[in-house]
Amino acid sequence: MNHWWFVTAAYVVAGMGTFGLAAASWRAMRRAEAAADALGRRA
């Protein structure tokens, strides 16, 4: 039985998870920066 399909699938899933986490973090950072800029403009 060939196990390479499982190894490849595991790498794909791990890569997608890493990318998803990085994208969610980047979006949260941009949202926080916009909120901080809005607070600075109000003062």
PDB file of N, CA and C in Angstrom:
ATOM      1  N   MET A   1       0.842  -1.189   0.000  1.00  0.00           N
ATOM      2  CA  MET A   1       0.000   0.000   0.000  1.00  0.00           C
ATOM      3  C   MET A   1       0.884   1.248   0.000  1.00  0.00           C
ATOM      4  N   ASN A   2       0.566   2.153  -0.864  1.00  0.00           N
ATOM      5  CA  ASN A   2       1.360   3.374  -1.005  1.00  0.00           C
ATOM      6  C   ASN A   2       0.864   4.435  -0.030  1.00  0.00           C
ATOM      7  N   HIS A   3       1.772   5.009   0.715  1.00  0.00           N
ATOM      8  CA  HIS A   3       1.400   5.983   1.744  1.00  0.00           C
ATOM      9  C   HIS A   3       1.605   7.429   1.304  1.00  0.00           C
ATOM     10  N   TRP A   4       2.130   7.648   0.103  1.00  0.00           N
ATOM     11  CA  TRP A   4       2.464   9.010  -0.306  1.00  0.00           C
ATOM     12  C   TRP A   4       1.239   9.898  -0.487  1.00  0.00           C
ATOM     13  N   TRP A   5       0.084   9.320  -0.812  1.00  0.00           N
ATOM     14  CA  TRP A   5      -1.113  10.150  -0.946  1.00  0.00           C
ATOM     15  C   TRP A   5      -1.462  10.769   0.400  1.00  0.00           C
ATOM     16  N   PHE A   6      -1.267  10.008   1.486  1.00  0.00           N
ATOM     17  CA  PHE A   6      -1.554  10.526   2.817  1.00  0.00           C
ATOM     18  C   PHE A   6      -0.549  11.605   3.206  1.00  0.00           C
ATOM     19  N   VAL A   7       0.716  11.393   2.916  1.00  0.00           N
ATOM     20  CA  VAL A   7       1.749  12.379   3.229  1.00  0.00           C
ATOM     21  C   VAL A   7       1.477  13.682   2.477  1.00  0.00           C
ATOM     22  N   THR A   8       1.147  13.561   1.200  1.00  0.00           N
ATOM     23  CA  THR A   8       0.846  14.749   0.398  1.00  0.00           C
ATOM     24  C   THR A   8      -0.383  15.477   0.940  1.00  0.00           C
ATOM     25  N   ALA A   9      -1.414  14.719   1.259  1.00  0.00           N
ATOM     26  CA  ALA A   9      -2.629  15.333   1.803  1.00  0.00           C
ATOM     27  C   ALA A   9      -2.350  16.021   3.133  1.00  0.00           C
ATOM     28  N   ALA A  10      -1.519  15.425   3.965  1.00  0.00           N
ATOM     29  CA  ALA A  10      -1.177  16.034   5.251  1.00  0.00           C
ATOM     30  C   ALA A  10      -0.443  17.354   5.048  1.00  0.00           C
ATOM     31  N   TYR A  11       0.475  17.389   4.089  1.00  0.00           N
ATOM     32  CA  TYR A  11       1.179  18.642   3.802  1.00  0.00           C
ATOM     33  C   TYR A  11       0.227  19.704   3.262  1.00  0.00           C
ATOM     34  N   VAL A  12      -0.700  19.309   2.425  1.00  0.00           N
ATOM     35  CA  VAL A  12      -1.671  20.261   1.878  1.00  0.00           C
ATOM     36  C   VAL A  12      -2.548  20.829   2.991  1.00  0.00           C
ATOM     37  N   VAL A  13      -3.038  19.959   3.859  1.00  0.00           N
ATOM     38  CA  VAL A  13      -3.887  20.416   4.966  1.00  0.00           C
ATOM     39  C   VAL A  13      -3.104  21.335   5.896  1.00  0.00           C
ATOM     40  N   ALA A  14      -1.856  20.965   6.216  1.00  0.00           N
ATOM     41  CA  ALA A  14      -1.035  21.807   7.092  1.00  0.00           C
ATOM     42  C   ALA A  14      -0.738  23.157   6.432  1.00  0.00           C
ATOM     43  N   GLY A  15      -0.470  23.143   5.132  1.00  0.00           N
ATOM     44  CA  GLY A  15      -0.209  24.393   4.418  1.00  0.00           C
ATOM     45  C   GLY A  15      -1.431  25.292   4.378  1.00  0.00           C
ATOM     46  N   MET A  16      -2.585  24.695   4.139  1.00  0.00           N
ATOM     47  CA  MET A  16      -3.815  25.487   4.120  1.00  0.00           C
ATOM     48  C   MET A  16      -4.117  26.053   5.502  1.00  0.00           C
ATOM     49  N   GLY A  17      -3.878  25.268   6.540  1.00  0.00           N
ATOM     50  CA  GLY A  17      -4.093  25.762   7.902  1.00  0.00           C
ATOM     51  C   GLY A  17      -3.165  26.910   8.239  1.00  0.00           C
ATOM     52  N   THR A  18      -1.912  26.777   7.838  1.00  0.00           N
ATOM     53  CA  THR A  18      -0.939  27.844   8.084  1.00  0.00           C
ATOM     54  C   THR A  18      -1.333  29.117   7.341  1.00  0.00           C
ATOM     55  N   PHE A  19      -1.706  28.959   6.076  1.00  0.00           N
ATOM     56  CA  PHE A  19      -2.126  30.120   5.296  1.00  0.00           C
ATOM     57  C   PHE A  19      -3.377  30.758   5.877  1.00  0.00           C
ATOM     58  N   GLY A  20      -4.325  29.936   6.284  1.00  0.00           N
ATOM     59  CA  GLY A  20      -5.562  30.461   6.867  1.00  0.00           C
ATOM     60  C   GLY A  20      -5.313  31.230   8.151  1.00  0.00           C
ATOM     61  N   LEU A  21      -4.450  30.700   8.990  1.00  0.00           N
ATOM     62  CA  LEU A  21      -4.122  31.385  10.238  1.00  0.00           C
ATOM     63  C   LEU A  21      -3.396  32.700   9.973  1.00  0.00           C
ATOM     64  N   ALA A  22      -2.465  32.682   9.028  1.00  0.00           N
ATOM     65  CA  ALA A  22      -1.740  33.909   8.684  1.00  0.00           C
ATOM     66  C   ALA A  22      -2.685  34.958   8.099  1.00  0.00           C
ATOM     67  N   ALA A  23      -3.613  34.532   7.246  1.00  0.00           N
ATOM     68  CA  ALA A  23      -4.565  35.475   6.649  1.00  0.00           C
ATOM     69  C   ALA A  23      -5.497  36.055   7.700  1.00  0.00           C
ATOM     70  N   ALA A  24      -5.970  35.223   8.616  1.00  0.00           N
ATOM     71  CA  ALA A  24      -6.860  35.715   9.679  1.00  0.00           C
ATOM     72  C   ALA A  24      -6.114  36.680  10.594  1.00  0.00           C
ATOM     73  N   SER A  25      -4.867  36.389  10.899  1.00  0.00           N
ATOM     74  CA  SER A  25      -4.066  37.278  11.738  1.00  0.00           C
ATOM     75  C   SER A  25      -3.813  38.608  11.043  1.00  0.00           C
ATOM     76  N   TRP A  26      -3.524  38.545   9.747  1.00  0.00           N
ATOM     77  CA  TRP A  26      -3.276  39.770   8.993  1.00  0.00           C
ATOM     78  C   TRP A  26      -4.522  40.648   8.959  1.00  0.00           C
ATOM     79  N   ARG A  27      -5.697  40.008   8.734  1.00  0.00           N
ATOM     80  CA  ARG A  27      -6.947  40.774   8.724  1.00  0.00           C
ATOM     81  C   ARG A  27      -7.227  41.393  10.085  1.00  0.00           C
ATOM     82  N   ALA A  28      -6.974  40.658  11.161  1.00  0.00           N
ATOM     83  CA  ALA A  28      -7.193  41.194  12.503  1.00  0.00           C
ATOM     84  C   ALA A  28      -6.237  42.358  12.780  1.00  0.00           C
ATOM     85  N   MET A  29      -4.996  42.242  12.317  1.00  0.00           N
ATOM     86  CA  MET A  29      -4.018  43.315  12.501  1.00  0.00           C
ATOM     87  C   MET A  29      -4.462  44.571  11.757  1.00  0.00           C
ATOM     88  N   ARG A  30      -4.922  44.405  10.513  1.00  0.00           N
ATOM     89  CA  ARG A  30      -5.363  45.560   9.744  1.00  0.00           C
ATOM     90  C   ARG A  30      -6.577  46.234  10.391  1.00  0.00           C
ATOM     91  N   ARG A  31      -7.492  45.414  10.907  1.00  0.00           N
ATOM     92  CA  ARG A  31      -8.678  45.944  11.577  1.00  0.00           C
ATOM     93  C   ARG A  31      -8.270  46.703  12.845  1.00  0.00           C
ATOM     94  N   ALA A  32      -7.317  46.172  13.608  1.00  0.00           N
ATOM     95  CA  ALA A  32      -6.861  46.838  14.832  1.00  0.00           C
ATOM     96  C   ALA A  32      -6.127  48.134  14.506  1.00  0.00           C
ATOM     97  N   GLU A  33      -5.335  48.134  13.433  1.00  0.00           N
ATOM     98  CA  GLU A  33      -4.645  49.361  13.039  1.00  0.00           C
ATOM     99  C   GLU A  33      -5.641  50.440  12.629  1.00  0.00           C
ATOM    100  N   ALA A  34      -6.680  50.050  11.913  1.00  0.00           N
ATOM    101  CA  ALA A  34      -7.697  51.017  11.508  1.00  0.00           C
ATOM    102  C   ALA A  34      -8.418  51.578  12.719  1.00  0.00           C
ATOM    103  N   ALA A  35      -8.706  50.731  13.701  1.00  0.00           N
ATOM    104  CA  ALA A  35      -9.368  51.207  14.916  1.00  0.00           C
ATOM    105  C   ALA A  35      -8.453  52.146  15.691  1.00  0.00           C
ATOM    106  N   ALA A  36      -7.169  51.852  15.747  1.00  0.00           N
ATOM    107  CA  ALA A  36      -6.226  52.719  16.459  1.00  0.00           C
ATOM    108  C   ALA A  36      -6.090  54.065  15.729  1.00  0.00           C
ATOM    109  N   ASP A  37      -6.062  54.026  14.416  1.00  0.00           N
ATOM    110  CA  ASP A  37      -5.997  55.278  13.653  1.00  0.00           C
ATOM    111  C   ASP A  37      -7.263  56.113  13.865  1.00  0.00           C
ATOM    112  N   ALA A  38      -8.411  55.473  13.943  1.00  0.00           N
ATOM    113  CA  ALA A  38      -9.656  56.185  14.162  1.00  0.00           C
ATOM    114  C   ALA A  38      -9.664  56.843  15.530  1.00  0.00           C
ATOM    115  N   LEU A  39      -9.108  56.159  16.529  1.00  0.00           N
ATOM    116  CA  LEU A  39      -9.027  56.759  17.861  1.00  0.00           C
ATOM    117  C   LEU A  39      -8.094  57.975  17.859  1.00  0.00           C
ATOM    118  N   GLY A  40      -6.999  57.877  17.137  1.00  0.00           N
ATOM    119  CA  GLY A  40      -6.062  58.983  17.063  1.00  0.00           C
ATOM    120  C   GLY A  40      -6.636  60.193  16.374  1.00  0.00           C
ATOM    121  N   ARG A  41      -7.472  59.984  15.385  1.00  0.00           N
ATOM    122  CA  ARG A  41      -8.088  61.105  14.664  1.00  0.00           C
ATOM    123  C   ARG A  41      -9.169  61.791  15.470  1.00  0.00           C
ATOM    124  N   ARG A  42      -9.805  61.067  16.411  1.00  0.00           N
ATOM    125  CA  ARG A  42     -10.877  61.661  17.210  1.00  0.00           C
ATOM    126  C   ARG A  42     -10.329  62.640  18.238  1.00  0.00           C
ATOM    127  N   ALA A  43      -9.147  62.397  18.726  1.00  0.00           N
ATOM    128  CA  ALA A  43      -8.593  63.217  19.810  1.00  0.00           C
ATOM    129  C   ALA A  43      -8.133  64.574  19.343  1.00  0.00           C
TER     130      ALA A  43
END
